Amino acid sequence: MKKTKFKLKTHRGAHKRFKITASGKVIAKHAGLRHILTKRSSKNKRKKRNPKILNSIEARRVRIMLPYS
């Protein structure tokens, strides 16, 4: 009998929230754009519209949760 390695499970919450680009960077959506937006400035809301690239430490944590991305 041949021993096989076990498969790692993908963290489903992380799978829904993060994407990994072709160059290996991790993309996430900005927080704070769901409700109570009247007190926020237009500049702030505009900046949060586009996704952000996580820094290396946060990206490392996400990559552990997404083994096959």
PDB file of N, CA and C in Angstrom:
ATOM      1  N   MET A   1       0.826  -1.190   0.000  1.00  0.00           N
ATOM      2  CA  MET A   1       0.000   0.000   0.000  1.00  0.00           C
ATOM      3  C   MET A   1       0.864   1.245   0.000  1.00  0.00           C
ATOM      4  N   LYS A   2       0.409   2.205  -0.771  1.00  0.00           N
ATOM      5  CA  LYS A   2       1.138   3.465  -0.858  1.00  0.00           C
ATOM      6  C   LYS A   2       0.497   4.482   0.086  1.00  0.00           C
ATOM      7  N   LYS A   3       1.330   5.127   0.903  1.00  0.00           N
ATOM      8  CA  LYS A   3       0.815   6.148   1.800  1.00  0.00           C
ATOM      9  C   LYS A   3       0.637   7.455   1.043  1.00  0.00           C
ATOM     10  N   THR A   4      -0.481   8.106   1.282  1.00  0.00           N
ATOM     11  CA  THR A   4      -0.724   9.392   0.637  1.00  0.00           C
ATOM     12  C   THR A   4      -0.796  10.475   1.703  1.00  0.00           C
ATOM     13  N   LYS A   5      -0.422  11.680   1.307  1.00  0.00           N
ATOM     14  CA  LYS A   5      -0.527  12.813   2.225  1.00  0.00           C
ATOM     15  C   LYS A   5      -1.986  13.220   2.335  1.00  0.00           C
ATOM     16  N   PHE A   6      -2.333  13.747   3.474  1.00  0.00           N
ATOM     17  CA  PHE A   6      -3.714  14.187   3.653  1.00  0.00           C
ATOM     18  C   PHE A   6      -3.917  15.536   2.984  1.00  0.00           C
ATOM     19  N   LYS A   7      -5.156  15.810   2.634  1.00  0.00           N
ATOM     20  CA  LYS A   7      -5.495  17.074   1.988  1.00  0.00           C
ATOM     21  C   LYS A   7      -5.767  18.125   3.048  1.00  0.00           C
ATOM     22  N   LEU A   8      -5.326  19.345   2.795  1.00  0.00           N
ATOM     23  CA  LEU A   8      -5.589  20.452   3.707  1.00  0.00           C
ATOM     24  C   LEU A   8      -6.928  21.077   3.359  1.00  0.00           C
ATOM     25  N   LYS A   9      -7.651  21.488   4.386  1.00  0.00           N
ATOM     26  CA  LYS A   9      -8.942  22.126   4.146  1.00  0.00           C
ATOM     27  C   LYS A   9      -8.758  23.629   3.993  1.00  0.00           C
ATOM     28  N   THR A  10      -9.497  24.190   3.056  1.00  0.00           N
ATOM     29  CA  THR A  10      -9.504  25.628   2.854  1.00  0.00           C
ATOM     30  C   THR A  10     -10.415  26.256   3.893  1.00  0.00           C
ATOM     31  N   HIS A  11      -9.976  27.360   4.477  1.00  0.00           N
ATOM     32  CA  HIS A  11     -10.811  28.110   5.419  1.00  0.00           C
ATOM     33  C   HIS A  11     -11.875  28.837   4.603  1.00  0.00           C
ATOM     34  N   ARG A  12     -13.132  28.428   4.750  1.00  0.00           N
ATOM     35  CA  ARG A  12     -14.190  28.929   3.873  1.00  0.00           C
ATOM     36  C   ARG A  12     -14.449  30.428   4.060  1.00  0.00           C
ATOM     37  N   GLY A  13     -14.287  30.928   5.259  1.00  0.00           N
ATOM     38  CA  GLY A  13     -14.471  32.355   5.501  1.00  0.00           C
ATOM     39  C   GLY A  13     -13.414  33.174   4.782  1.00  0.00           C
ATOM     40  N   ALA A  14     -12.177  32.696   4.816  1.00  0.00           N
ATOM     41  CA  ALA A  14     -11.079  33.382   4.130  1.00  0.00           C
ATOM     42  C   ALA A  14     -11.249  33.280   2.616  1.00  0.00           C
ATOM     43  N   HIS A  15     -11.750  32.140   2.171  1.00  0.00           N
ATOM     44  CA  HIS A  15     -11.953  31.921   0.734  1.00  0.00           C
ATOM     45  C   HIS A  15     -12.927  32.935   0.147  1.00  0.00           C
ATOM     46  N   LYS A  16     -13.931  33.313   0.944  1.00  0.00           N
ATOM     47  CA  LYS A  16     -14.944  34.261   0.487  1.00  0.00           C
ATOM     48  C   LYS A  16     -14.454  35.705   0.557  1.00  0.00           C
ATOM     49  N   ARG A  17     -13.483  35.995   1.415  1.00  0.00           N
ATOM     50  CA  ARG A  17     -13.067  37.373   1.661  1.00  0.00           C
ATOM     51  C   ARG A  17     -11.804  37.806   0.930  1.00  0.00           C
ATOM     52  N   PHE A  18     -10.948  36.870   0.566  1.00  0.00           N
ATOM     53  CA  PHE A  18      -9.649  37.219  -0.019  1.00  0.00           C
ATOM     54  C   PHE A  18      -9.455  36.583  -1.381  1.00  0.00           C
ATOM     55  N   LYS A  19      -8.672  37.267  -2.212  1.00  0.00           N
ATOM     56  CA  LYS A  19      -8.283  36.713  -3.516  1.00  0.00           C
ATOM     57  C   LYS A  19      -6.775  36.851  -3.644  1.00  0.00           C
ATOM     58  N   ILE A  20      -6.148  35.909  -4.307  1.00  0.00           N
ATOM     59  CA  ILE A  20      -4.712  35.969  -4.529  1.00  0.00           C
ATOM     60  C   ILE A  20      -4.474  36.263  -6.004  1.00  0.00           C
ATOM     61  N   THR A  21      -3.680  37.300  -6.272  1.00  0.00           N
ATOM     62  CA  THR A  21      -3.424  37.726  -7.639  1.00  0.00           C
ATOM     63  C   THR A  21      -2.429  36.777  -8.304  1.00  0.00           C
ATOM     64  N   ALA A  22      -2.236  36.961  -9.603  1.00  0.00           N
ATOM     65  CA  ALA A  22      -1.305  36.120 -10.354  1.00  0.00           C
ATOM     66  C   ALA A  22       0.129  36.290  -9.852  1.00  0.00           C
ATOM     67  N   SER A  23       0.453  37.489  -9.362  1.00  0.00           N
ATOM     68  CA  SER A  23       1.804  37.734  -8.849  1.00  0.00           C
ATOM     69  C   SER A  23       1.960  37.292  -7.398  1.00  0.00           C
ATOM     70  N   GLY A  24       0.875  36.801  -6.784  1.00  0.00           N
ATOM     71  CA  GLY A  24       0.960  36.263  -5.433  1.00  0.00           C
ATOM     72  C   GLY A  24       0.545  37.213  -4.330  1.00  0.00           C
ATOM     73  N   LYS A  25       0.080  38.405  -4.677  1.00  0.00           N
ATOM     74  CA  LYS A  25      -0.363  39.357  -3.659  1.00  0.00           C
ATOM     75  C   LYS A  25      -1.776  38.994  -3.213  1.00  0.00           C
ATOM     76  N   VAL A  26      -2.116  39.379  -1.983  1.00  0.00           N
ATOM     77  CA  VAL A  26      -3.437  39.068  -1.427  1.00  0.00           C
ATOM     78  C   VAL A  26      -4.273  40.339  -1.431  1.00  0.00           C
ATOM     79  N   ILE A  27      -5.483  40.234  -1.997  1.00  0.00           N
ATOM     80  CA  ILE A  27      -6.387  41.370  -2.117  1.00  0.00           C
ATOM     81  C   ILE A  27      -7.561  41.176  -1.159  1.00  0.00           C
ATOM     82  N   ALA A  28      -7.963  42.268  -0.499  1.00  0.00           N
ATOM     83  CA  ALA A  28      -9.115  42.240   0.403  1.00  0.00           C
ATOM     84  C   ALA A  28      -9.935  43.501   0.203  1.00  0.00           C
ATOM     85  N   LYS A  29     -11.196  43.421   0.614  1.00  0.00           N
ATOM     86  CA  LYS A  29     -12.080  44.581   0.542  1.00  0.00           C
ATOM     87  C   LYS A  29     -11.870  45.429   1.788  1.00  0.00           C
ATOM     88  N   HIS A  30     -11.978  46.744   1.651  1.00  0.00           N
ATOM     89  CA  HIS A  30     -11.854  47.647   2.794  1.00  0.00           C
ATOM     90  C   HIS A  30     -13.038  47.471   3.737  1.00  0.00           C
ATOM     91  N   ALA A  31     -12.789  47.674   5.013  1.00  0.00           N
ATOM     92  CA  ALA A  31     -13.853  47.630   6.021  1.00  0.00           C
ATOM     93  C   ALA A  31     -14.500  49.001   6.137  1.00  0.00           C
ATOM     94  N   GLY A  32     -15.689  49.040   6.717  1.00  0.00           N
ATOM     95  CA  GLY A  32     -16.344  50.300   7.032  1.00  0.00           C
ATOM     96  C   GLY A  32     -17.090  50.943   5.891  1.00  0.00           C
ATOM     97  N   LEU A  33     -17.701  50.137   5.046  1.00  0.00           N
ATOM     98  CA  LEU A  33     -18.448  50.700   3.916  1.00  0.00           C
ATOM     99  C   LEU A  33     -19.844  50.064   3.820  1.00  0.00           C
ATOM    100  N   ARG A  34     -20.386  49.634   4.950  1.00  0.00           N
ATOM    101  CA  ARG A  34     -21.675  48.952   4.957  1.00  0.00           C
ATOM    102  C   ARG A  34     -22.825  49.858   5.364  1.00  0.00           C
ATOM    103  N   HIS A  35     -22.676  50.570   6.481  1.00  0.00           N
ATOM    104  CA  HIS A  35     -23.772  51.415   6.964  1.00  0.00           C
ATOM    105  C   HIS A  35     -23.188  52.597   7.725  1.00  0.00           C
ATOM    106  N   ILE A  36     -24.047  53.551   8.078  1.00  0.00           N
ATOM    107  CA  ILE A  36     -23.661  54.816   8.724  1.00  0.00           C
ATOM    108  C   ILE A  36     -22.583  55.519   7.894  1.00  0.00           C
ATOM    109  N   LEU A  37     -22.903  55.736   6.633  1.00  0.00           N
ATOM    110  CA  LEU A  37     -21.939  56.355   5.727  1.00  0.00           C
ATOM    111  C   LEU A  37     -22.110  57.868   5.646  1.00  0.00           C
ATOM    112  N   THR A  38     -23.150  58.404   6.257  1.00  0.00           N
ATOM    113  CA  THR A  38     -23.404  59.848   6.160  1.00  0.00           C
ATOM    114  C   THR A  38     -22.328  60.651   6.862  1.00  0.00           C
ATOM    115  N   LYS A  39     -21.757  60.106   7.911  1.00  0.00           N
ATOM    116  CA  LYS A  39     -20.720  60.844   8.643  1.00  0.00           C
ATOM    117  C   LYS A  39     -19.340  60.726   7.984  1.00  0.00           C
ATOM    118  N   ARG A  40     -19.188  59.831   7.046  1.00  0.00           N
ATOM    119  CA  ARG A  40     -17.899  59.659   6.376  1.00  0.00           C
ATOM    120  C   ARG A  40     -17.780  60.630   5.202  1.00  0.00           C
ATOM    121  N   SER A  41     -16.561  61.057   4.940  1.00  0.00           N
ATOM    122  CA  SER A  41     -16.331  61.989   3.837  1.00  0.00           C
ATOM    123  C   SER A  41     -16.395  61.247   2.506  1.00  0.00           C
ATOM    124  N   SER A  42     -16.665  61.990   1.456  1.00  0.00           N
ATOM    125  CA  SER A  42     -16.713  61.395   0.115  1.00  0.00           C
ATOM    126  C   SER A  42     -15.361  60.821  -0.258  1.00  0.00           C
ATOM    127  N   LYS A  43     -14.295  61.504   0.132  1.00  0.00           N
ATOM    128  CA  LYS A  43     -12.931  61.047  -0.155  1.00  0.00           C
ATOM    129  C   LYS A  43     -12.679  59.689   0.491  1.00  0.00           C
ATOM    130  N   ASN A  44     -13.107  59.549   1.750  1.00  0.00           N
ATOM    131  CA  ASN A  44     -12.931  58.309   2.486  1.00  0.00           C
ATOM    132  C   ASN A  44     -13.693  57.171   1.817  1.00  0.00           C
ATOM    133  N   LYS A  45     -14.944  57.420   1.446  1.00  0.00           N
ATOM    134  CA  LYS A  45     -15.771  56.386   0.804  1.00  0.00           C
ATOM    135  C   LYS A  45     -15.204  56.000  -0.560  1.00  0.00           C
ATOM    136  N   ARG A  46     -14.706  56.977  -1.293  1.00  0.00           N
ATOM    137  CA  ARG A  46     -14.132  56.728  -2.613  1.00  0.00           C
ATOM    138  C   ARG A  46     -12.886  55.851  -2.510  1.00  0.00           C
ATOM    139  N   LYS A  47     -12.043  56.111  -1.512  1.00  0.00           N
ATOM    140  CA  LYS A  47     -10.820  55.326  -1.331  1.00  0.00           C
ATOM    141  C   LYS A  47     -11.123  53.884  -0.932  1.00  0.00           C
ATOM    142  N   LYS A  48     -12.195  53.698  -0.187  1.00  0.00           N
ATOM    143  CA  LYS A  48     -12.556  52.356   0.276  1.00  0.00           C
ATOM    144  C   LYS A  48     -13.244  51.520  -0.793  1.00  0.00           C
ATOM    145  N   ARG A  49     -13.631  52.149  -1.893  1.00  0.00           N
ATOM    146  CA  ARG A  49     -14.306  51.428  -2.968  1.00  0.00           C
ATOM    147  C   ARG A  49     -13.399  50.371  -3.601  1.00  0.00           C
ATOM    148  N   ASN A  50     -12.145  50.717  -3.803  1.00  0.00           N
ATOM    149  CA  ASN A  50     -11.202  49.811  -4.461  1.00  0.00           C
ATOM    150  C   ASN A  50     -10.589  48.849  -3.444  1.00  0.00           C
ATOM    151  N   PRO A  51     -10.231  47.637  -3.881  1.00  0.00           N
ATOM    152  CA  PRO A  51      -9.651  46.676  -2.946  1.00  0.00           C
ATOM    153  C   PRO A  51      -8.261  47.100  -2.488  1.00  0.00           C
ATOM    154  N   LYS A  52      -7.844  46.562  -1.346  1.00  0.00           N
ATOM    155  CA  LYS A  52      -6.517  46.873  -0.830  1.00  0.00           C
ATOM    156  C   LYS A  52      -5.636  45.639  -0.917  1.00  0.00           C
ATOM    157  N   ILE A  53      -4.331  45.859  -0.990  1.00  0.00           N
ATOM    158  CA  ILE A  53      -3.353  44.778  -0.993  1.00  0.00           C
ATOM    159  C   ILE A  53      -2.826  44.643   0.429  1.00  0.00           C
ATOM    160  N   LEU A  54      -2.911  43.451   0.983  1.00  0.00           N
ATOM    161  CA  LEU A  54      -2.477  43.227   2.361  1.00  0.00           C
ATOM    162  C   LEU A  54      -0.970  43.267   2.477  1.00  0.00           C
ATOM    163  N   ASN A  55      -0.493  43.676   3.654  1.00  0.00           N
ATOM    164  CA  ASN A  55       0.957  43.673   3.871  1.00  0.00           C
ATOM    165  C   ASN A  55       1.441  42.240   4.060  1.00  0.00           C
ATOM    166  N   SER A  56       2.738  42.057   4.085  1.00  0.00           N
ATOM    167  CA  SER A  56       3.328  40.716   4.026  1.00  0.00           C
ATOM    168  C   SER A  56       2.932  39.840   5.213  1.00  0.00           C
ATOM    169  N   ILE A  57       2.808  40.428   6.404  1.00  0.00           N
ATOM    170  CA  ILE A  57       2.481  39.636   7.588  1.00  0.00           C
ATOM    171  C   ILE A  57       1.040  39.147   7.528  1.00  0.00           C
ATOM    172  N   GLU A  58       0.123  40.038   7.163  1.00  0.00           N
ATOM    173  CA  GLU A  58      -1.278  39.638   7.037  1.00  0.00           C
ATOM    174  C   GLU A  58      -1.454  38.650   5.893  1.00  0.00           C
ATOM    175  N   ALA A  59      -0.742  38.883   4.790  1.00  0.00           N
ATOM    176  CA  ALA A  59      -0.838  37.999   3.620  1.00  0.00           C
ATOM    177  C   ALA A  59      -0.370  36.595   3.963  1.00  0.00           C
ATOM    178  N   ARG A  60       0.651  36.473   4.786  1.00  0.00           N
ATOM    179  CA  ARG A  60       1.157  35.161   5.185  1.00  0.00           C
ATOM    180  C   ARG A  60       0.083  34.379   5.940  1.00  0.00           C
ATOM    181  N   ARG A  61      -0.657  35.060   6.821  1.00  0.00           N
ATOM    182  CA  ARG A  61      -1.734  34.410   7.568  1.00  0.00           C
ATOM    183  C   ARG A  61      -2.839  33.923   6.638  1.00  0.00           C
ATOM    184  N   VAL A  62      -3.159  34.735   5.645  1.00  0.00           N
ATOM    185  CA  VAL A  62      -4.228  34.380   4.706  1.00  0.00           C
ATOM    186  C   VAL A  62      -3.798  33.201   3.848  1.00  0.00           C
ATOM    187  N   ARG A  63      -2.548  33.179   3.423  1.00  0.00           N
ATOM    188  CA  ARG A  63      -2.065  32.084   2.567  1.00  0.00           C
ATOM    189  C   ARG A  63      -2.095  30.739   3.290  1.00  0.00           C
ATOM    190  N   ILE A  64      -1.905  30.754   4.606  1.00  0.00           N
ATOM    191  CA  ILE A  64      -2.006  29.517   5.379  1.00  0.00           C
ATOM    192  C   ILE A  64      -3.442  28.996   5.344  1.00  0.00           C
ATOM    193  N   MET A  65      -4.411  29.930   5.383  1.00  0.00           N
ATOM    194  CA  MET A  65      -5.825  29.534   5.360  1.00  0.00           C
ATOM    195  C   MET A  65      -6.285  29.119   3.974  1.00  0.00           C
ATOM    196  N   LEU A  66      -5.551  29.550   2.932  1.00  0.00           N
ATOM    197  CA  LEU A  66      -5.914  29.221   1.547  1.00  0.00           C
ATOM    198  C   LEU A  66      -4.789  28.402   0.908  1.00  0.00           C
ATOM    199  N   PRO A  67      -4.679  27.118   1.237  1.00  0.00           N
ATOM    200  CA  PRO A  67      -3.530  26.330   0.792  1.00  0.00           C
ATOM    201  C   PRO A  67      -3.477  26.077  -0.715  1.00  0.00           C
ATOM    202  N   TYR A  68      -4.593  26.089  -1.403  1.00  0.00           N
ATOM    203  CA  TYR A  68      -4.568  25.735  -2.828  1.00  0.00           C
ATOM    204  C   TYR A  68      -4.868  26.921  -3.738  1.00  0.00           C
ATOM    205  N   SER A  69      -4.615  28.131  -3.275  1.00  0.00           N
ATOM    206  CA  SER A  69      -4.876  29.325  -4.096  1.00  0.00           C
ATOM    207  C   SER A  69      -3.607  29.762  -4.801  1.00  0.00           C
TER     208      SER A  69
END
